[in-house]
Amino acid sequence: MAKLKITQIRSAIKRDEKQKRTICALGLHRLHHSVVHPDNPQIRGMIRKVSHLVQVEEIQ
């Protein structure tokens, strides 16, 4: 199964509370922090909600 490397590239300050919680649920804590998650519909949906704040790369 493919994995996704998610990096926070923009701040969550002055964002909606749901977006802040989504960033936290993805495991991101600060700018340029990266996490790796499996590629599944739940994670893709979370990424879609905060796509303007994160950068996504597919890794094997």
PDB file of N, CA and C in Angstrom:
ATOM      1  N   MET A   1       0.837  -1.179   0.000  1.00  0.00           N
ATOM      2  CA  MET A   1       0.000   0.000   0.000  1.00  0.00           C
ATOM      3  C   MET A   1       0.886   1.248   0.000  1.00  0.00           C
ATOM      4  N   ALA A   2       0.496   2.236  -0.767  1.00  0.00           N
ATOM      5  CA  ALA A   2       1.260   3.476  -0.848  1.00  0.00           C
ATOM      6  C   ALA A   2       1.117   4.273   0.444  1.00  0.00           C
ATOM      7  N   LYS A   3       2.085   5.136   0.658  1.00  0.00           N
ATOM      8  CA  LYS A   3       2.060   6.005   1.828  1.00  0.00           C
ATOM      9  C   LYS A   3       2.140   7.449   1.363  1.00  0.00           C
ATOM     10  N   LEU A   4       1.678   8.350   2.204  1.00  0.00           N
ATOM     11  CA  LEU A   4       1.696   9.773   1.908  1.00  0.00           C
ATOM     12  C   LEU A   4       2.567  10.496   2.920  1.00  0.00           C
ATOM     13  N   LYS A   5       3.473  11.328   2.428  1.00  0.00           N
ATOM     14  CA  LYS A   5       4.273  12.186   3.293  1.00  0.00           C
ATOM     15  C   LYS A   5       3.596  13.554   3.274  1.00  0.00           C
ATOM     16  N   ILE A   6       3.140  13.999   4.432  1.00  0.00           N
ATOM     17  CA  ILE A   6       2.393  15.249   4.549  1.00  0.00           C
ATOM     18  C   ILE A   6       3.251  16.241   5.317  1.00  0.00           C
ATOM     19  N   THR A   7       3.477  17.422   4.725  1.00  0.00           N
ATOM     20  CA  THR A   7       4.297  18.459   5.335  1.00  0.00           C
ATOM     21  C   THR A   7       3.473  19.726   5.483  1.00  0.00           C
ATOM     22  N   GLN A   8       3.497  20.317   6.672  1.00  0.00           N
ATOM     23  CA  GLN A   8       2.785  21.572   6.891  1.00  0.00           C
ATOM     24  C   GLN A   8       3.631  22.706   6.343  1.00  0.00           C
ATOM     25  N   ILE A   9       3.066  23.481   5.404  1.00  0.00           N
ATOM     26  CA  ILE A   9       3.822  24.559   4.775  1.00  0.00           C
ATOM     27  C   ILE A   9       3.275  25.943   5.126  1.00  0.00           C
ATOM     28  N   ARG A  10       2.068  26.005   5.678  1.00  0.00           N
ATOM     29  CA  ARG A  10       1.486  27.279   6.090  1.00  0.00           C
ATOM     30  C   ARG A  10       0.919  27.146   7.495  1.00  0.00           C
ATOM     31  N   SER A  11       0.873  28.255   8.197  1.00  0.00           N
ATOM     32  CA  SER A  11       0.427  28.271   9.582  1.00  0.00           C
ATOM     33  C   SER A  11      -1.089  28.081   9.692  1.00  0.00           C
ATOM     34  N   ALA A  12      -1.508  27.517  10.818  1.00  0.00           N
ATOM     35  CA  ALA A  12      -2.933  27.336  11.104  1.00  0.00           C
ATOM     36  C   ALA A  12      -3.485  28.479  11.948  1.00  0.00           C
ATOM     37  N   ILE A  13      -2.662  29.477  12.215  1.00  0.00           N
ATOM     38  CA  ILE A  13      -3.122  30.644  12.967  1.00  0.00           C
ATOM     39  C   ILE A  13      -4.169  31.390  12.139  1.00  0.00           C
ATOM     40  N   LYS A  14      -5.204  31.868  12.795  1.00  0.00           N
ATOM     41  CA  LYS A  14      -6.323  32.591  12.165  1.00  0.00           C
ATOM     42  C   LYS A  14      -7.098  31.711  11.190  1.00  0.00           C
ATOM     43  N   ARG A  15      -7.093  30.424  11.406  1.00  0.00           N
ATOM     44  CA  ARG A  15      -7.883  29.489  10.596  1.00  0.00           C
ATOM     45  C   ARG A  15      -9.072  29.020  11.412  1.00  0.00           C
ATOM     46  N   ASP A  16     -10.034  28.451  10.725  1.00  0.00           N
ATOM     47  CA  ASP A  16     -11.222  27.910  11.365  1.00  0.00           C
ATOM     48  C   ASP A  16     -10.814  26.809  12.358  1.00  0.00           C
ATOM     49  N   GLU A  17     -11.582  26.653  13.421  1.00  0.00           N
ATOM     50  CA  GLU A  17     -11.271  25.652  14.452  1.00  0.00           C
ATOM     51  C   GLU A  17     -11.218  24.241  13.862  1.00  0.00           C
ATOM     52  N   LYS A  18     -12.077  23.934  12.905  1.00  0.00           N
ATOM     53  CA  LYS A  18     -12.069  22.599  12.289  1.00  0.00           C
ATOM     54  C   LYS A  18     -10.760  22.343  11.557  1.00  0.00           C
ATOM     55  N   GLN A  19     -10.222  23.370  10.900  1.00  0.00           N
ATOM     56  CA  GLN A  19      -8.950  23.205  10.199  1.00  0.00           C
ATOM     57  C   GLN A  19      -7.813  23.006  11.189  1.00  0.00           C
ATOM     58  N   LYS A  20      -7.833  23.726  12.298  1.00  0.00           N
ATOM     59  CA  LYS A  20      -6.805  23.548  13.326  1.00  0.00           C
ATOM     60  C   LYS A  20      -6.839  22.129  13.886  1.00  0.00           C
ATOM     61  N   ARG A  21      -8.046  21.614  14.127  1.00  0.00           N
ATOM     62  CA  ARG A  21      -8.184  20.255  14.654  1.00  0.00           C
ATOM     63  C   ARG A  21      -7.754  19.206  13.637  1.00  0.00           C
ATOM     64  N   THR A  22      -8.010  19.471  12.367  1.00  0.00           N
ATOM     65  CA  THR A  22      -7.595  18.536  11.319  1.00  0.00           C
ATOM     66  C   THR A  22      -6.073  18.466  11.233  1.00  0.00           C
ATOM     67  N   ILE A  23      -5.416  19.625  11.301  1.00  0.00           N
ATOM     68  CA  ILE A  23      -3.946  19.657  11.301  1.00  0.00           C
ATOM     69  C   ILE A  23      -3.413  18.856  12.481  1.00  0.00           C
ATOM     70  N   CYS A  24      -4.013  19.043  13.640  1.00  0.00           N
ATOM     71  CA  CYS A  24      -3.593  18.324  14.850  1.00  0.00           C
ATOM     72  C   CYS A  24      -3.847  16.821  14.692  1.00  0.00           C
ATOM     73  N   ALA A  25      -4.989  16.456  14.133  1.00  0.00           N
ATOM     74  CA  ALA A  25      -5.329  15.041  13.947  1.00  0.00           C
ATOM     75  C   ALA A  25      -4.385  14.357  12.967  1.00  0.00           C
ATOM     76  N   LEU A  26      -3.845  15.111  12.027  1.00  0.00           N
ATOM     77  CA  LEU A  26      -2.857  14.550  11.101  1.00  0.00           C
ATOM     78  C   LEU A  26      -1.499  14.355  11.778  1.00  0.00           C
ATOM     79  N   GLY A  27      -1.326  14.949  12.956  1.00  0.00           N
ATOM     80  CA  GLY A  27      -0.075  14.790  13.687  1.00  0.00           C
ATOM     81  C   GLY A  27       0.941  15.874  13.390  1.00  0.00           C
ATOM     82  N   LEU A  28       0.486  16.975  12.803  1.00  0.00           N
ATOM     83  CA  LEU A  28       1.390  18.076  12.478  1.00  0.00           C
ATOM     84  C   LEU A  28       1.379  19.083  13.627  1.00  0.00           C
ATOM     85  N   HIS A  29       2.574  19.566  14.002  1.00  0.00           N
ATOM     86  CA  HIS A  29       2.688  20.445  15.159  1.00  0.00           C
ATOM     87  C   HIS A  29       3.297  21.798  14.843  1.00  0.00           C
ATOM     88  N   ARG A  30       4.067  21.909  13.780  1.00  0.00           N
ATOM     89  CA  ARG A  30       4.740  23.171  13.463  1.00  0.00           C
ATOM     90  C   ARG A  30       5.042  23.204  11.962  1.00  0.00           C
ATOM     91  N   LEU A  31       5.459  24.362  11.491  1.00  0.00           N
ATOM     92  CA  LEU A  31       5.785  24.504  10.075  1.00  0.00           C
ATOM     93  C   LEU A  31       6.947  23.598   9.684  1.00  0.00           C
ATOM     94  N   HIS A  32       6.890  23.068   8.494  1.00  0.00           N
ATOM     95  CA  HIS A  32       7.909  22.196   7.899  1.00  0.00           C
ATOM     96  C   HIS A  32       8.057  20.871   8.649  1.00  0.00           C
ATOM     97  N   HIS A  33       7.073  20.526   9.462  1.00  0.00           N
ATOM     98  CA  HIS A  33       7.039  19.243  10.143  1.00  0.00           C
ATOM     99  C   HIS A  33       6.366  18.247   9.210  1.00  0.00           C
ATOM    100  N   SER A  34       6.921  17.054   9.064  1.00  0.00           N
ATOM    101  CA  SER A  34       6.375  16.037   8.160  1.00  0.00           C
ATOM    102  C   SER A  34       5.949  14.802   8.929  1.00  0.00           C
ATOM    103  N   VAL A  35       4.904  14.166   8.431  1.00  0.00           N
ATOM    104  CA  VAL A  35       4.437  12.889   8.966  1.00  0.00           C
ATOM    105  C   VAL A  35       4.132  11.976   7.786  1.00  0.00           C
ATOM    106  N   VAL A  36       4.140  10.675   8.046  1.00  0.00           N
ATOM    107  CA  VAL A  36       3.829   9.689   7.019  1.00  0.00           C
ATOM    108  C   VAL A  36       2.582   8.927   7.454  1.00  0.00           C
ATOM    109  N   HIS A  37       1.609   8.861   6.555  1.00  0.00           N
ATOM    110  CA  HIS A  37       0.363   8.156   6.815  1.00  0.00           C
ATOM    111  C   HIS A  37       0.066   7.221   5.648  1.00  0.00           C
ATOM    112  N   PRO A  38      -0.699   6.151   5.881  1.00  0.00           N
ATOM    113  CA  PRO A  38      -1.120   5.288   4.769  1.00  0.00           C
ATOM    114  C   PRO A  38      -2.093   6.045   3.868  1.00  0.00           C
ATOM    115  N   ASP A  39      -2.094   5.685   2.607  1.00  0.00           N
ATOM    116  CA  ASP A  39      -2.987   6.323   1.637  1.00  0.00           C
ATOM    117  C   ASP A  39      -4.345   5.644   1.706  1.00  0.00           C
ATOM    118  N   ASN A  40      -5.293   6.268   2.413  1.00  0.00           N
ATOM    119  CA  ASN A  40      -6.643   5.723   2.513  1.00  0.00           C
ATOM    120  C   ASN A  40      -7.647   6.875   2.426  1.00  0.00           C
ATOM    121  N   PRO A  41      -8.913   6.589   2.218  1.00  0.00           N
ATOM    122  CA  PRO A  41      -9.909   7.650   2.033  1.00  0.00           C
ATOM    123  C   PRO A  41     -10.029   8.613   3.215  1.00  0.00           C
ATOM    124  N   GLN A  42      -9.832   8.133   4.437  1.00  0.00           N
ATOM    125  CA  GLN A  42      -9.941   9.005   5.604  1.00  0.00           C
ATOM    126  C   GLN A  42      -8.851  10.079   5.593  1.00  0.00           C
ATOM    127  N   ILE A  43      -7.627   9.671   5.329  1.00  0.00           N
ATOM    128  CA  ILE A  43      -6.512  10.611   5.291  1.00  0.00           C
ATOM    129  C   ILE A  43      -6.661  11.558   4.097  1.00  0.00           C
ATOM    130  N   ARG A  44      -7.081  11.035   2.949  1.00  0.00           N
ATOM    131  CA  ARG A  44      -7.293  11.882   1.768  1.00  0.00           C
ATOM    132  C   ARG A  44      -8.344  12.954   2.048  1.00  0.00           C
ATOM    133  N   GLY A  45      -9.400  12.622   2.779  1.00  0.00           N
ATOM    134  CA  GLY A  45     -10.423  13.589   3.116  1.00  0.00           C
ATOM    135  C   GLY A  45      -9.894  14.674   4.030  1.00  0.00           C
ATOM    136  N   MET A  46      -9.053  14.293   4.996  1.00  0.00           N
ATOM    137  CA  MET A  46      -8.459  15.270   5.896  1.00  0.00           C
ATOM    138  C   MET A  46      -7.524  16.207   5.125  1.00  0.00           C
ATOM    139  N   ILE A  47      -6.768  15.645   4.194  1.00  0.00           N
ATOM    140  CA  ILE A  47      -5.859  16.455   3.381  1.00  0.00           C
ATOM    141  C   ILE A  47      -6.655  17.441   2.528  1.00  0.00           C
ATOM    142  N   ARG A  48      -7.773  16.995   1.991  1.00  0.00           N
ATOM    143  CA  ARG A  48      -8.597  17.854   1.152  1.00  0.00           C
ATOM    144  C   ARG A  48      -9.096  19.083   1.928  1.00  0.00           C
ATOM    145  N   LYS A  49      -9.403  18.909   3.216  1.00  0.00           N
ATOM    146  CA  LYS A  49      -9.901  20.013   4.040  1.00  0.00           C
ATOM    147  C   LYS A  49      -8.836  21.070   4.328  1.00  0.00           C
ATOM    148  N   VAL A  50      -7.570  20.654   4.359  1.00  0.00           N
ATOM    149  CA  VAL A  50      -6.493  21.594   4.677  1.00  0.00           C
ATOM    150  C   VAL A  50      -5.442  21.636   3.562  1.00  0.00           C
ATOM    151  N   SER A  51      -5.864  21.422   2.336  1.00  0.00           N
ATOM    152  CA  SER A  51      -4.931  21.333   1.211  1.00  0.00           C
ATOM    153  C   SER A  51      -4.132  22.620   1.014  1.00  0.00           C
ATOM    154  N   HIS A  52      -4.687  23.761   1.420  1.00  0.00           N
ATOM    155  CA  HIS A  52      -3.996  25.038   1.279  1.00  0.00           C
ATOM    156  C   HIS A  52      -2.915  25.237   2.349  1.00  0.00           C
ATOM    157  N   LEU A  53      -2.863  24.341   3.341  1.00  0.00           N
ATOM    158  CA  LEU A  53      -1.875  24.455   4.416  1.00  0.00           C
ATOM    159  C   LEU A  53      -0.787  23.395   4.355  1.00  0.00           C
ATOM    160  N   VAL A  54      -0.978  22.360   3.541  1.00  0.00           N
ATOM    161  CA  VAL A  54      -0.045  21.240   3.524  1.00  0.00           C
ATOM    162  C   VAL A  54       0.443  20.935   2.107  1.00  0.00           C
ATOM    163  N   GLN A  55       1.556  20.199   2.068  1.00  0.00           N
ATOM    164  CA  GLN A  55       2.107  19.688   0.813  1.00  0.00           C
ATOM    165  C   GLN A  55       2.129  18.168   0.950  1.00  0.00           C
ATOM    166  N   VAL A  56       1.711  17.459  -0.095  1.00  0.00           N
ATOM    167  CA  VAL A  56       1.589  16.001  -0.029  1.00  0.00           C
ATOM    168  C   VAL A  56       2.470  15.370  -1.101  1.00  0.00           C
ATOM    169  N   GLU A  57       3.211  14.331  -0.700  1.00  0.00           N
ATOM    170  CA  GLU A  57       4.043  13.552  -1.622  1.00  0.00           C
ATOM    171  C   GLU A  57       3.713  12.082  -1.427  1.00  0.00           C
ATOM    172  N   GLU A  58       3.622  11.340  -2.526  1.00  0.00           N
ATOM    173  CA  GLU A  58       3.437   9.889  -2.431  1.00  0.00           C
ATOM    174  C   GLU A  58       4.800   9.228  -2.330  1.00  0.00           C
ATOM    175  N   ILE A  59       4.933   8.293  -1.403  1.00  0.00           N
ATOM    176  CA  ILE A  59       6.169   7.533  -1.265  1.00  0.00           C
ATOM    177  C   ILE A  59       5.826   6.056  -1.305  1.00  0.00           C
ATOM    178  N   GLN A  60       6.795   5.248  -1.616  1.00  0.00           N
ATOM    179  CA  GLN A  60       6.560   3.804  -1.721  1.00  0.00           C
ATOM    180  C   GLN A  60       6.834   3.113  -0.425  1.00  0.00           C
TER     181      GLN A  60
END
